């Protein structure tokens, strides 16, 4: 099972615009400006200036999901950011996420606001700068168990040193980020550290040297697209119980989803029945047609969910999280509709693997459904 939670707050902190809030900007940006090198707008700067991304999720809501068994306590958690633009990136680089150590206010600003909005978090301030007042990220030395990093202007948030996660890219990687942040989420769930969200950044050393790292932009929570940031909980919920007298299909078979509906309420939880039948069953004496005999798919069978409009995988094939179950009625899988954005259409795709991984088949037969509020 894959269950997605969407952020409650996000913002980019810009060192070169140290008081500017970007709390409702559609874009989250990791940027590094070097002296005497023009930025994307053609402007020159006198020093090194970095940016950091802040993003926060509703952990009390996640706790309730775990308490009512919607999400398993043993789930792994991944922070997902979808890239919208990537320019002149290094061949190899790594992004890091840390738990933020101070509370912050999201704000209502955008990068290109003129005049700039300074109410809400910024590079220097946690809650904004107004009438000469505001709470600074760094007002002296760091608190015990926390740290921070800046080059030109003091600020850029502070974060706990007890946990750090990373995601590495190379020259063939797409710049979308799917970072394992299980260790941080478990600290929030246990209450060992407060939940003030993630900070996403380059390494401290890379931020301080003169290496050019290009610009990496991600869709934010205020994006008018389906590519919102999300915290993804994944676990294997496949079961193989009470299979009865059903046998497995041969290597030539059809797949049909027998109980799919046109639409589902976003609060519903559904079981999709995947009926498999041999195309050329063996000829034997029987009182019913062998062509109508229901069989099970191989245990190495998986489902995926695509967005209807652009065919992007909302839930990709995943051997650890989208394996089909088998019971006395056949193969099936479960979906919690609350993990999908409402008022959109989605498509189910099935994949089977046989003969020790040598034979892989994809069944994409137009099984669509809509999620409604």
Foldseek 3Di string as FASTA:
>chain_A
DKFKFFFPWKWKAKQVPFQFAATQAQKHKWFWAAAPDADPVRDGDHHIITMKMWTFTDLVVVLVCCVVPVFPPPWWKKWWWAWPDFPPADQKFKKKKFFFADAAFRDDFRPPDVVGARATDHQFARGGADPNDGHGQDPDDDDPQKDDADADDPGNGIGGPPDMWMDMDGNPDDPIGITGPRVVSVCCSVVVGPGRGMMMHGDRVVSHDRDGGTMIMTGDQNHPDQRYIIMMIAAAPAAEEAQDPAAEEDPAKDKDFDDADAEDELQDKDKTAIWIAHPDDDDDDDPDDSRPDTHAYPQQKFKWKAFPPPRHTPGDTDSGGTGWYHHNRYTIDMDNSNSHDAPTKMFMKMWGADDVRPDIDIDGPGRMYGYHD
